[in-house]
PDB file of N, CA and C in Angstrom:
ATOM      1  N   MET A   1       2.487   7.939  -8.771  1.00  0.00           N
ATOM      2  CA  MET A   1       3.692   7.327  -8.228  1.00  0.00           C
ATOM      3  C   MET A   1       3.759   7.493  -6.711  1.00  0.00           C
ATOM      4  N   GLU A   2       3.219   8.588  -6.222  1.00  0.00           N
ATOM      5  CA  GLU A   2       3.292   8.830  -4.777  1.00  0.00           C
ATOM      6  C   GLU A   2       2.636   7.715  -3.972  1.00  0.00           C
ATOM      7  N   GLU A   3       1.515   7.214  -4.457  1.00  0.00           N
ATOM      8  CA  GLU A   3       0.828   6.132  -3.739  1.00  0.00           C
ATOM      9  C   GLU A   3       1.677   4.857  -3.741  1.00  0.00           C
ATOM     10  N   LYS A   4       2.341   4.576  -4.844  1.00  0.00           N
ATOM     11  CA  LYS A   4       3.225   3.404  -4.920  1.00  0.00           C
ATOM     12  C   LYS A   4       4.382   3.533  -3.933  1.00  0.00           C
ATOM     13  N   ILE A   5       4.907   4.746  -3.798  1.00  0.00           N
ATOM     14  CA  ILE A   5       6.013   4.964  -2.872  1.00  0.00           C
ATOM     15  C   ILE A   5       5.542   4.785  -1.436  1.00  0.00           C
ATOM     16  N   LYS A   6       4.352   5.259  -1.128  1.00  0.00           N
ATOM     17  CA  LYS A   6       3.799   5.071   0.216  1.00  0.00           C
ATOM     18  C   LYS A   6       3.686   3.585   0.547  1.00  0.00           C
ATOM     19  N   ILE A   7       3.204   2.818  -0.412  1.00  0.00           N
ATOM     20  CA  ILE A   7       3.060   1.376  -0.205  1.00  0.00           C
ATOM     21  C   ILE A   7       4.424   0.718  -0.038  1.00  0.00           C
ATOM     22  N   LEU A   8       5.386   1.099  -0.875  1.00  0.00           N
ATOM     23  CA  LEU A   8       6.735   0.549  -0.767  1.00  0.00           C
ATOM     24  C   LEU A   8       7.354   0.903   0.580  1.00  0.00           C
ATOM     25  N   TYR A   9       7.201   2.147   0.988  1.00  0.00           N
ATOM     26  CA  TYR A   9       7.712   2.577   2.297  1.00  0.00           C
ATOM     27  C   TYR A   9       7.135   1.719   3.414  1.00  0.00           C
ATOM     28  N   GLN A  10       5.839   1.481   3.374  1.00  0.00           N
ATOM     29  CA  GLN A  10       5.198   0.664   4.410  1.00  0.00           C
ATOM     30  C   GLN A  10       5.737  -0.763   4.405  1.00  0.00           C
ATOM     31  N   LYS A  11       5.979  -1.307   3.232  1.00  0.00           N
ATOM     32  CA  LYS A  11       6.522  -2.669   3.135  1.00  0.00           C
ATOM     33  C   LYS A  11       7.938  -2.738   3.692  1.00  0.00           C
ATOM     34  N   VAL A  12       8.769  -1.772   3.338  1.00  0.00           N
ATOM     35  CA  VAL A  12      10.149  -1.748   3.851  1.00  0.00           C
ATOM     36  C   VAL A  12      10.133  -1.557   5.363  1.00  0.00           C
ATOM     37  N   LYS A  13       9.301  -0.658   5.828  1.00  0.00           N
ATOM     38  CA  LYS A  13       9.179  -0.403   7.263  1.00  0.00           C
ATOM     39  C   LYS A  13       8.747  -1.680   7.997  1.00  0.00           C
ATOM     40  N   LYS A  14       7.834  -2.422   7.411  1.00  0.00           N
ATOM     41  CA  LYS A  14       7.362  -3.672   8.020  1.00  0.00           C
ATOM     42  C   LYS A  14       8.492  -4.702   8.093  1.00  0.00           C
ATOM     43  N   ILE A  15       9.302  -4.783   7.053  1.00  0.00           N
ATOM     44  CA  ILE A  15      10.440  -5.710   7.051  1.00  0.00           C
ATOM     45  C   ILE A  15      11.413  -5.341   8.173  1.00  0.00           C
ATOM     46  N   VAL A  16      11.718  -4.054   8.281  1.00  0.00           N
ATOM     47  CA  VAL A  16      12.652  -3.580   9.308  1.00  0.00           C
ATOM     48  C   VAL A  16      12.093  -3.837  10.705  1.00  0.00           C
ATOM     49  N   GLU A  17      10.845  -3.479  10.922  1.00  0.00           N
ATOM     50  CA  GLU A  17      10.240  -3.690  12.242  1.00  0.00           C
ATOM     51  C   GLU A  17      10.155  -5.176  12.580  1.00  0.00           C
ATOM     52  N   GLY A  18       9.847  -5.994  11.591  1.00  0.00           N
ATOM     53  CA  GLY A  18       9.796  -7.433  11.828  1.00  0.00           C
ATOM     54  C   GLY A  18      11.143  -7.980  12.245  1.00  0.00           C
ATOM     55  N   TYR A  19      12.203  -7.474  11.617  1.00  0.00           N
ATOM     56  CA  TYR A  19      13.557  -7.922  11.942  1.00  0.00           C
ATOM     57  C   TYR A  19      13.970  -7.439  13.322  1.00  0.00           C
ATOM     58  N   LEU A  20      13.749  -6.165  13.603  1.00  0.00           N
ATOM     59  CA  LEU A  20      14.219  -5.577  14.855  1.00  0.00           C
ATOM     60  C   LEU A  20      13.334  -5.916  16.050  1.00  0.00           C
ATOM     61  N   ILE A  21      12.035  -5.844  15.862  1.00  0.00           N
ATOM     62  CA  ILE A  21      11.113  -6.016  16.982  1.00  0.00           C
ATOM     63  C   ILE A  21      10.634  -7.457  17.095  1.00  0.00           C
ATOM     64  N   GLY A  22      10.225  -8.018  15.957  1.00  0.00           N
ATOM     65  CA  GLY A  22       9.644  -9.354  15.980  1.00  0.00           C
ATOM     66  C   GLY A  22      10.655 -10.482  15.869  1.00  0.00           C
ATOM     67  N   GLN A  23      11.928 -10.126  15.739  1.00  0.00           N
ATOM     68  CA  GLN A  23      13.002 -11.107  15.591  1.00  0.00           C
ATOM     69  C   GLN A  23      12.762 -12.048  14.408  1.00  0.00           C
ATOM     70  N   GLU A  24      12.071 -11.539  13.374  1.00  0.00           N
ATOM     71  CA  GLU A  24      11.853 -12.316  12.156  1.00  0.00           C
ATOM     72  C   GLU A  24      13.146 -12.303  11.357  1.00  0.00           C
ATOM     73  N   ARG A  25      13.605 -13.457  10.974  1.00  0.00           N
ATOM     74  CA  ARG A  25      14.880 -13.555  10.269  1.00  0.00           C
ATOM     75  C   ARG A  25      14.718 -13.898   8.790  1.00  0.00           C
ATOM     76  N   ASN A  26      13.561 -13.595   8.240  1.00  0.00           N
ATOM     77  CA  ASN A  26      13.332 -13.872   6.822  1.00  0.00           C
ATOM     78  C   ASN A  26      13.303 -12.586   5.998  1.00  0.00           C
ATOM     79  N   ASN A  27      14.088 -11.592   6.410  1.00  0.00           N
ATOM     80  CA  ASN A  27      14.052 -10.310   5.713  1.00  0.00           C
ATOM     81  C   ASN A  27      14.552 -10.398   4.270  1.00  0.00           C
ATOM     82  N   ILE A  28      15.424 -11.339   3.977  1.00  0.00           N
ATOM     83  CA  ILE A  28      15.904 -11.484   2.601  1.00  0.00           C
ATOM     84  C   ILE A  28      14.766 -11.985   1.714  1.00  0.00           C
ATOM     85  N   GLU A  29      14.050 -12.964   2.190  1.00  0.00           N
ATOM     86  CA  GLU A  29      12.921 -13.493   1.423  1.00  0.00           C
ATOM     87  C   GLU A  29      11.850 -12.417   1.235  1.00  0.00           C
ATOM     88  N   GLN A  30      11.595 -11.658   2.268  1.00  0.00           N
ATOM     89  CA  GLN A  30      10.606 -10.580   2.171  1.00  0.00           C
ATOM     90  C   GLN A  30      11.070  -9.517   1.178  1.00  0.00           C
ATOM     91  N   MET A  31      12.347  -9.208   1.197  1.00  0.00           N
ATOM     92  CA  MET A  31      12.889  -8.182   0.303  1.00  0.00           C
ATOM     93  C   MET A  31      12.761  -8.604  -1.152  1.00  0.00           C
ATOM     94  N   ARG A  32      12.964  -9.884  -1.414  1.00  0.00           N
ATOM     95  CA  ARG A  32      12.851 -10.371  -2.796  1.00  0.00           C
ATOM     96  C   ARG A  32      11.478 -10.054  -3.390  1.00  0.00           C
ATOM     97  N   THR A  33      10.457 -10.048  -2.569  1.00  0.00           N
ATOM     98  CA  THR A  33       9.103  -9.827  -3.082  1.00  0.00           C
ATOM     99  C   THR A  33       8.850  -8.376  -3.496  1.00  0.00           C
ATOM    100  N   ILE A  34       9.678  -7.454  -3.003  1.00  0.00           N
ATOM    101  CA  ILE A  34       9.437  -6.038  -3.333  1.00  0.00           C
ATOM    102  C   ILE A  34      10.509  -5.435  -4.234  1.00  0.00           C
ATOM    103  N   ILE A  35      11.385  -6.262  -4.770  1.00  0.00           N
ATOM    104  CA  ILE A  35      12.436  -5.761  -5.664  1.00  0.00           C
ATOM    105  C   ILE A  35      11.843  -5.009  -6.869  1.00  0.00           C
ATOM    106  N   PRO A  36      10.790  -5.508  -7.509  1.00  0.00           N
ATOM    107  CA  PRO A  36      10.245  -4.737  -8.649  1.00  0.00           C
ATOM    108  C   PRO A  36       9.765  -3.342  -8.249  1.00  0.00           C
ATOM    109  N   GLN A  37       9.123  -3.225  -7.096  1.00  0.00           N
ATOM    110  CA  GLN A  37       8.666  -1.908  -6.637  1.00  0.00           C
ATOM    111  C   GLN A  37       9.853  -1.012  -6.289  1.00  0.00           C
ATOM    112  N   LEU A  38      10.898  -1.596  -5.708  1.00  0.00           N
ATOM    113  CA  LEU A  38      12.097  -0.821  -5.385  1.00  0.00           C
ATOM    114  C   LEU A  38      12.763  -0.331  -6.664  1.00  0.00           C
ATOM    115  N   GLN A  39      12.835  -1.181  -7.650  1.00  0.00           N
ATOM    116  CA  GLN A  39      13.416  -0.788  -8.934  1.00  0.00           C
ATOM    117  C   GLN A  39      12.637   0.378  -9.546  1.00  0.00           C
ATOM    118  N   GLU A  40      11.321   0.298  -9.496  1.00  0.00           N
ATOM    119  CA  GLU A  40      10.489   1.381 -10.033  1.00  0.00           C
ATOM    120  C   GLU A  40      10.737   2.686  -9.282  1.00  0.00           C
ATOM    121  N   TYR A  41      10.878   2.602  -7.952  1.00  0.00           N
ATOM    122  CA  TYR A  41      11.154   3.794  -7.154  1.00  0.00           C
ATOM    123  C   TYR A  41      12.508   4.407  -7.532  1.00  0.00           C
ATOM    124  N   VAL A  42      13.522   3.569  -7.646  1.00  0.00           N
ATOM    125  CA  VAL A  42      14.860   4.072  -7.966  1.00  0.00           C
ATOM    126  C   VAL A  42      14.856   4.777  -9.324  1.00  0.00           C
ATOM    127  N   LEU A  43      14.221   4.169 -10.298  1.00  0.00           N
ATOM    128  CA  LEU A  43      14.147   4.812 -11.620  1.00  0.00           C
ATOM    129  C   LEU A  43      13.410   6.140 -11.544  1.00  0.00           C
ATOM    130  N   TRP A  44      12.345   6.169 -10.780  1.00  0.00           N
ATOM    131  CA  TRP A  44      11.589   7.411 -10.592  1.00  0.00           C
ATOM    132  C   TRP A  44      12.474   8.472  -9.939  1.00  0.00           C
ATOM    133  N   PHE A  45      13.235   8.078  -8.929  1.00  0.00           N
ATOM    134  CA  PHE A  45      14.059   9.030  -8.187  1.00  0.00           C
ATOM    135  C   PHE A  45      15.192   9.584  -9.047  1.00  0.00           C
ATOM    136  N   ILE A  46      15.862   8.727  -9.793  1.00  0.00           N
ATOM    137  CA  ILE A  46      17.060   9.180 -10.510  1.00  0.00           C
ATOM    138  C   ILE A  46      16.759   9.868 -11.846  1.00  0.00           C
ATOM    139  N   GLU A  47      15.540   9.725 -12.351  1.00  0.00           N
ATOM    140  CA  GLU A  47      15.268  10.331 -13.655  1.00  0.00           C
ATOM    141  C   GLU A  47      15.057  11.838 -13.601  1.00  0.00           C
ATOM    142  N   ASP A  48      14.753  12.366 -12.407  1.00  0.00           N
ATOM    143  CA  ASP A  48      14.499  13.797 -12.324  1.00  0.00           C
ATOM    144  C   ASP A  48      14.709  14.269 -10.887  1.00  0.00           C
ATOM    145  N   ASN A  49      15.119  15.499 -10.735  1.00  0.00           N
ATOM    146  CA  ASN A  49      15.340  16.105  -9.424  1.00  0.00           C
ATOM    147  C   ASN A  49      13.987  16.519  -8.830  1.00  0.00           C
ATOM    148  N   ARG A  50      13.291  15.553  -8.283  1.00  0.00           N
ATOM    149  CA  ARG A  50      11.938  15.788  -7.784  1.00  0.00           C
ATOM    150  C   ARG A  50      11.904  16.513  -6.435  1.00  0.00           C
ATOM    151  N   LEU A  51      13.049  16.583  -5.788  1.00  0.00           N
ATOM    152  CA  LEU A  51      13.119  17.278  -4.504  1.00  0.00           C
ATOM    153  C   LEU A  51      13.404  18.765  -4.687  1.00  0.00           C
ATOM    154  N   ASN A  52      13.697  19.148  -5.928  1.00  0.00           N
ATOM    155  CA  ASN A  52      14.018  20.545  -6.241  1.00  0.00           C
ATOM    156  C   ASN A  52      15.130  21.100  -5.359  1.00  0.00           C
ATOM    157  N   ILE A  53      16.207  20.331  -5.290  1.00  0.00           N
ATOM    158  CA  ILE A  53      17.370  20.755  -4.510  1.00  0.00           C
ATOM    159  C   ILE A  53      18.503  21.112  -5.463  1.00  0.00           C
ATOM    160  N   ASP A  54      19.568  21.644  -4.910  1.00  0.00           N
ATOM    161  CA  ASP A  54      20.755  21.979  -5.683  1.00  0.00           C
ATOM    162  C   ASP A  54      21.203  20.759  -6.489  1.00  0.00           C
ATOM    163  N   ASP A  55      21.584  20.993  -7.746  1.00  0.00           N
ATOM    164  CA  ASP A  55      21.937  19.875  -8.626  1.00  0.00           C
ATOM    165  C   ASP A  55      23.102  19.049  -8.088  1.00  0.00           C
ATOM    166  N   LYS A  56      24.075  19.706  -7.501  1.00  0.00           N
ATOM    167  CA  LYS A  56      25.226  18.969  -6.944  1.00  0.00           C
ATOM    168  C   LYS A  56      24.762  18.037  -5.822  1.00  0.00           C
ATOM    169  N   ASP A  57      23.888  18.517  -4.961  1.00  0.00           N
ATOM    170  CA  ASP A  57      23.353  17.684  -3.881  1.00  0.00           C
ATOM    171  C   ASP A  57      22.526  16.529  -4.450  1.00  0.00           C
ATOM    172  N   TYR A  58      21.748  16.816  -5.470  1.00  0.00           N
ATOM    173  CA  TYR A  58      20.933  15.781  -6.094  1.00  0.00           C
ATOM    174  C   TYR A  58      21.808  14.685  -6.707  1.00  0.00           C
ATOM    175  N   GLN A  59      22.889  15.081  -7.359  1.00  0.00           N
ATOM    176  CA  GLN A  59      23.803  14.096  -7.943  1.00  0.00           C
ATOM    177  C   GLN A  59      24.405  13.202  -6.853  1.00  0.00           C
ATOM    178  N   GLU A  60      24.737  13.786  -5.720  1.00  0.00           N
ATOM    179  CA  GLU A  60      25.265  13.001  -4.596  1.00  0.00           C
ATOM    180  C   GLU A  60      24.212  12.030  -4.058  1.00  0.00           C
ATOM    181  N   LEU A  61      22.974  12.484  -3.982  1.00  0.00           N
ATOM    182  CA  LEU A  61      21.892  11.611  -3.519  1.00  0.00           C
ATOM    183  C   LEU A  61      21.701  10.435  -4.471  1.00  0.00           C
ATOM    184  N   LYS A  62      21.796  10.691  -5.762  1.00  0.00           N
ATOM    185  CA  LYS A  62      21.664   9.609  -6.739  1.00  0.00           C
ATOM    186  C   LYS A  62      22.789   8.593  -6.576  1.00  0.00           C
ATOM    187  N   LYS A  63      24.010   9.081  -6.427  1.00  0.00           N
ATOM    188  CA  LYS A  63      25.152   8.171  -6.236  1.00  0.00           C
ATOM    189  C   LYS A  63      24.979   7.345  -4.968  1.00  0.00           C
ATOM    190  N   ASN A  64      24.544   7.999  -3.917  1.00  0.00           N
ATOM    191  CA  ASN A  64      24.350   7.305  -2.651  1.00  0.00           C
ATOM    192  C   ASN A  64      23.243   6.249  -2.761  1.00  0.00           C
ATOM    193  N   LEU A  65      22.189   6.557  -3.476  1.00  0.00           N
ATOM    194  CA  LEU A  65      21.108   5.592  -3.650  1.00  0.00           C
ATOM    195  C   LEU A  65      21.613   4.345  -4.378  1.00  0.00           C
ATOM    196  N   ILE A  66      22.454   4.532  -5.361  1.00  0.00           N
ATOM    197  CA  ILE A  66      23.038   3.388  -6.072  1.00  0.00           C
ATOM    198  C   ILE A  66      23.898   2.555  -5.120  1.00  0.00           C
ATOM    199  N   LEU A  67      24.653   3.206  -4.247  1.00  0.00           N
ATOM    200  CA  LEU A  67      25.453   2.474  -3.255  1.00  0.00           C
ATOM    201  C   LEU A  67      24.566   1.684  -2.292  1.00  0.00           C
ATOM    202  N   ILE A  68      23.458   2.261  -1.920  1.00  0.00           N
ATOM    203  CA  ILE A  68      22.510   1.560  -1.046  1.00  0.00           C
ATOM    204  C   ILE A  68      21.985   0.318  -1.762  1.00  0.00           C
ATOM    205  N   LEU A  69      21.642   0.458  -3.025  1.00  0.00           N
ATOM    206  CA  LEU A  69      21.171  -0.692  -3.799  1.00  0.00           C
ATOM    207  C   LEU A  69      22.232  -1.782  -3.877  1.00  0.00           C
ATOM    208  N   LYS A  70      23.483  -1.376  -4.057  1.00  0.00           N
ATOM    209  CA  LYS A  70      24.566  -2.357  -4.081  1.00  0.00           C
ATOM    210  C   LYS A  70      24.658  -3.091  -2.750  1.00  0.00           C
ATOM    211  N   ASP A  71      24.510  -2.376  -1.651  1.00  0.00           N
ATOM    212  CA  ASP A  71      24.513  -3.018  -0.333  1.00  0.00           C
ATOM    213  C   ASP A  71      23.358  -4.004  -0.197  1.00  0.00           C
ATOM    214  N   ILE A  72      22.198  -3.600  -0.663  1.00  0.00           N
ATOM    215  CA  ILE A  72      21.024  -4.481  -0.585  1.00  0.00           C
ATOM    216  C   ILE A  72      21.262  -5.749  -1.400  1.00  0.00           C
ATOM    217  N   LEU A  73      21.759  -5.587  -2.621  1.00  0.00           N
ATOM    218  CA  LEU A  73      22.015  -6.754  -3.469  1.00  0.00           C
ATOM    219  C   LEU A  73      23.107  -7.644  -2.891  1.00  0.00           C
ATOM    220  N   MET A  74      24.177  -7.049  -2.391  1.00  0.00           N
ATOM    221  CA  MET A  74      25.248  -7.827  -1.788  1.00  0.00           C
ATOM    222  C   MET A  74      24.731  -8.583  -0.564  1.00  0.00           C
ATOM    223  N   ALA A  75      23.930  -7.923   0.252  1.00  0.00           N
ATOM    224  CA  ALA A  75      23.369  -8.575   1.441  1.00  0.00           C
ATOM    225  C   ALA A  75      22.503  -9.762   1.040  1.00  0.00           C
ATOM    226  N   MET A  76      21.730  -9.598  -0.001  1.00  0.00           N
ATOM    227  CA  MET A  76      20.870 -10.686  -0.448  1.00  0.00           C
ATOM    228  C   MET A  76      21.691 -11.836  -1.023  1.00  0.00           C
ATOM    229  N   GLU A  77      22.700 -11.507  -1.810  1.00  0.00           N
ATOM    230  CA  GLU A  77      23.554 -12.541  -2.395  1.00  0.00           C
ATOM    231  C   GLU A  77      24.301 -13.324  -1.324  1.00  0.00           C
ATOM    232  N   GLN A  78      24.777 -12.632  -0.303  1.00  0.00           N
ATOM    233  CA  GLN A  78      25.565 -13.264   0.755  1.00  0.00           C
ATOM    234  C   GLN A  78      24.702 -13.733   1.930  1.00  0.00           C
ATOM    235  N   GLU A  79      23.402 -13.519   1.793  1.00  0.00           N
ATOM    236  CA  GLU A  79      22.450 -13.846   2.858  1.00  0.00           C
ATOM    237  C   GLU A  79      22.852 -13.209   4.193  1.00  0.00           C
ATOM    238  N   ASP A  80      23.240 -11.949   4.091  1.00  0.00           N
ATOM    239  CA  ASP A  80      23.653 -11.162   5.251  1.00  0.00           C
ATOM    240  C   ASP A  80      22.457 -10.336   5.723  1.00  0.00           C
ATOM    241  N   ARG A  81      21.719 -10.903   6.654  1.00  0.00           N
ATOM    242  CA  ARG A  81      20.493 -10.273   7.133  1.00  0.00           C
ATOM    243  C   ARG A  81      20.747  -8.965   7.892  1.00  0.00           C
ATOM    244  N   VAL A  82      21.878  -8.886   8.553  1.00  0.00           N
ATOM    245  CA  VAL A  82      22.218  -7.677   9.304  1.00  0.00           C
ATOM    246  C   VAL A  82      22.513  -6.530   8.340  1.00  0.00           C
ATOM    247  N   LEU A  83      23.327  -6.780   7.337  1.00  0.00           N
ATOM    248  CA  LEU A  83      23.625  -5.746   6.342  1.00  0.00           C
ATOM    249  C   LEU A  83      22.350  -5.299   5.641  1.00  0.00           C
ATOM    250  N   LEU A  84      21.485  -6.248   5.304  1.00  0.00           N
ATOM    251  CA  LEU A  84      20.234  -5.884   4.648  1.00  0.00           C
ATOM    252  C   LEU A  84      19.395  -4.985   5.545  1.00  0.00           C
ATOM    253  N   ASN A  85      19.267  -5.360   6.796  1.00  0.00           N
ATOM    254  CA  ASN A  85      18.482  -4.535   7.712  1.00  0.00           C
ATOM    255  C   ASN A  85      19.081  -3.144   7.848  1.00  0.00           C
ATOM    256  N   ASP A  86      20.384  -3.061   7.973  1.00  0.00           N
ATOM    257  CA  ASP A  86      21.033  -1.753   8.090  1.00  0.00           C
ATOM    258  C   ASP A  86      20.791  -0.898   6.851  1.00  0.00           C
ATOM    259  N   ALA A  87      20.916  -1.502   5.665  1.00  0.00           N
ATOM    260  CA  ALA A  87      20.713  -0.749   4.428  1.00  0.00           C
ATOM    261  C   ALA A  87      19.272  -0.245   4.325  1.00  0.00           C
ATOM    262  N   LEU A  88      18.333  -1.052   4.796  1.00  0.00           N
ATOM    263  CA  LEU A  88      16.934  -0.628   4.743  1.00  0.00           C
ATOM    264  C   LEU A  88      16.627   0.398   5.825  1.00  0.00           C
ATOM    265  N   ALA A  89      16.972   0.064   7.065  1.00  0.00           N
ATOM    266  CA  ALA A  89      16.570   0.881   8.215  1.00  0.00           C
ATOM    267  C   ALA A  89      17.273   2.231   8.268  1.00  0.00           C
ATOM    268  N   PHE A  90      18.546   2.241   7.938  1.00  0.00           N
ATOM    269  CA  PHE A  90      19.318   3.466   8.133  1.00  0.00           C
ATOM    270  C   PHE A  90      19.569   4.236   6.848  1.00  0.00           C
ATOM    271  N   ASP A  91      19.348   3.608   5.713  1.00  0.00           N
ATOM    272  CA  ASP A  91      19.649   4.285   4.450  1.00  0.00           C
ATOM    273  C   ASP A  91      18.412   4.466   3.568  1.00  0.00           C
ATOM    274  N   LEU A  92      17.804   3.372   3.163  1.00  0.00           N
ATOM    275  CA  LEU A  92      16.695   3.465   2.213  1.00  0.00           C
ATOM    276  C   LEU A  92      15.502   4.229   2.778  1.00  0.00           C
ATOM    277  N   ILE A  93      15.147   3.955   4.006  1.00  0.00           N
ATOM    278  CA  ILE A  93      13.997   4.648   4.602  1.00  0.00           C
ATOM    279  C   ILE A  93      14.220   6.159   4.634  1.00  0.00           C
ATOM    280  N   ALA A  94      15.455   6.577   4.797  1.00  0.00           N
ATOM    281  CA  ALA A  94      15.748   8.017   4.794  1.00  0.00           C
ATOM    282  C   ALA A  94      15.375   8.657   3.449  1.00  0.00           C
ATOM    283  N   TYR A  95      15.524   7.901   2.376  1.00  0.00           N
ATOM    284  CA  TYR A  95      15.144   8.437   1.060  1.00  0.00           C
ATOM    285  C   TYR A  95      13.645   8.653   0.973  1.00  0.00           C
ATOM    286  N   PHE A  96      12.885   7.703   1.480  1.00  0.00           N
ATOM    287  CA  PHE A  96      11.430   7.873   1.462  1.00  0.00           C
ATOM    288  C   PHE A  96      11.026   9.096   2.285  1.00  0.00           C
ATOM    289  N   LYS A  97      11.712   9.313   3.382  1.00  0.00           N
ATOM    290  CA  LYS A  97      11.352  10.400   4.294  1.00  0.00           C
ATOM    291  C   LYS A  97      11.770  11.778   3.789  1.00  0.00           C
ATOM    292  N   MET A  98      12.544  11.828   2.729  1.00  0.00           N
ATOM    293  CA  MET A  98      12.947  13.128   2.186  1.00  0.00           C
ATOM    294  C   MET A  98      11.766  13.908   1.646  1.00  0.00           C
ATOM    295  N   ASN A  99      10.739  13.215   1.251  1.00  0.00           N
ATOM    296  CA  ASN A  99       9.562  13.864   0.704  1.00  0.00           C
ATOM    297  C   ASN A  99       8.405  13.633   1.658  1.00  0.00           C
ATOM    298  N   GLU A 100       8.153  14.587   2.532  1.00  0.00           N
ATOM    299  CA  GLU A 100       7.146  14.442   3.568  1.00  0.00           C
ATOM    300  C   GLU A 100       5.749  14.258   3.021  1.00  0.00           C
ATOM    301  N   SER A 101       5.486  14.747   1.808  1.00  0.00           N
ATOM    302  CA  SER A 101       4.152  14.573   1.238  1.00  0.00           C
ATOM    303  C   SER A 101       3.898  13.126   0.831  1.00  0.00           C
ATOM    304  N   ILE A 102       4.968  12.372   0.639  1.00  0.00           N
ATOM    305  CA  ILE A 102       4.825  10.967   0.275  1.00  0.00           C
ATOM    306  C   ILE A 102       4.748  10.090   1.517  1.00  0.00           C
ATOM    307  N   VAL A 103       5.601  10.352   2.466  1.00  0.00           N
ATOM    308  CA  VAL A 103       5.675   9.518   3.668  1.00  0.00           C
ATOM    309  C   VAL A 103       5.213  10.326   4.868  1.00  0.00           C
ATOM    310  N   GLU A 104       4.105   9.933   5.394  1.00  0.00           N
ATOM    311  CA  GLU A 104       3.582  10.570   6.589  1.00  0.00           C
ATOM    312  C   GLU A 104       3.492   9.518   7.676  1.00  0.00           C
ATOM    313  N   GLU A 105       4.080   9.822   8.790  1.00  0.00           N
ATOM    314  CA  GLU A 105       4.057   8.871   9.918  1.00  0.00           C
ATOM    315  C   GLU A 105       2.695   8.847  10.566  1.00  0.00           C
TER     316      GLU A 105
END
């Protein structure tokens, strides 16, 4: 699973960089292509406390991840490219970075 997460992280990072740096405005279309991988990551994350943190903190992280997904879906439904970029750049990427063994810059 770690290799899949690395690939997903790189894809999300590319979407964000394309939007911010390259002024590419097709981030919604790009996001649609990685929804299955994102779904697999979310299921992997919420099924077990893989970060080995306090259970209360882990429960909060799970709730927050669901809120991020709702933002992503709402942004896609409303074609809100700014909201989508914010949810990816400032929220989702932080989840990938929680596990340094998976995401190495």
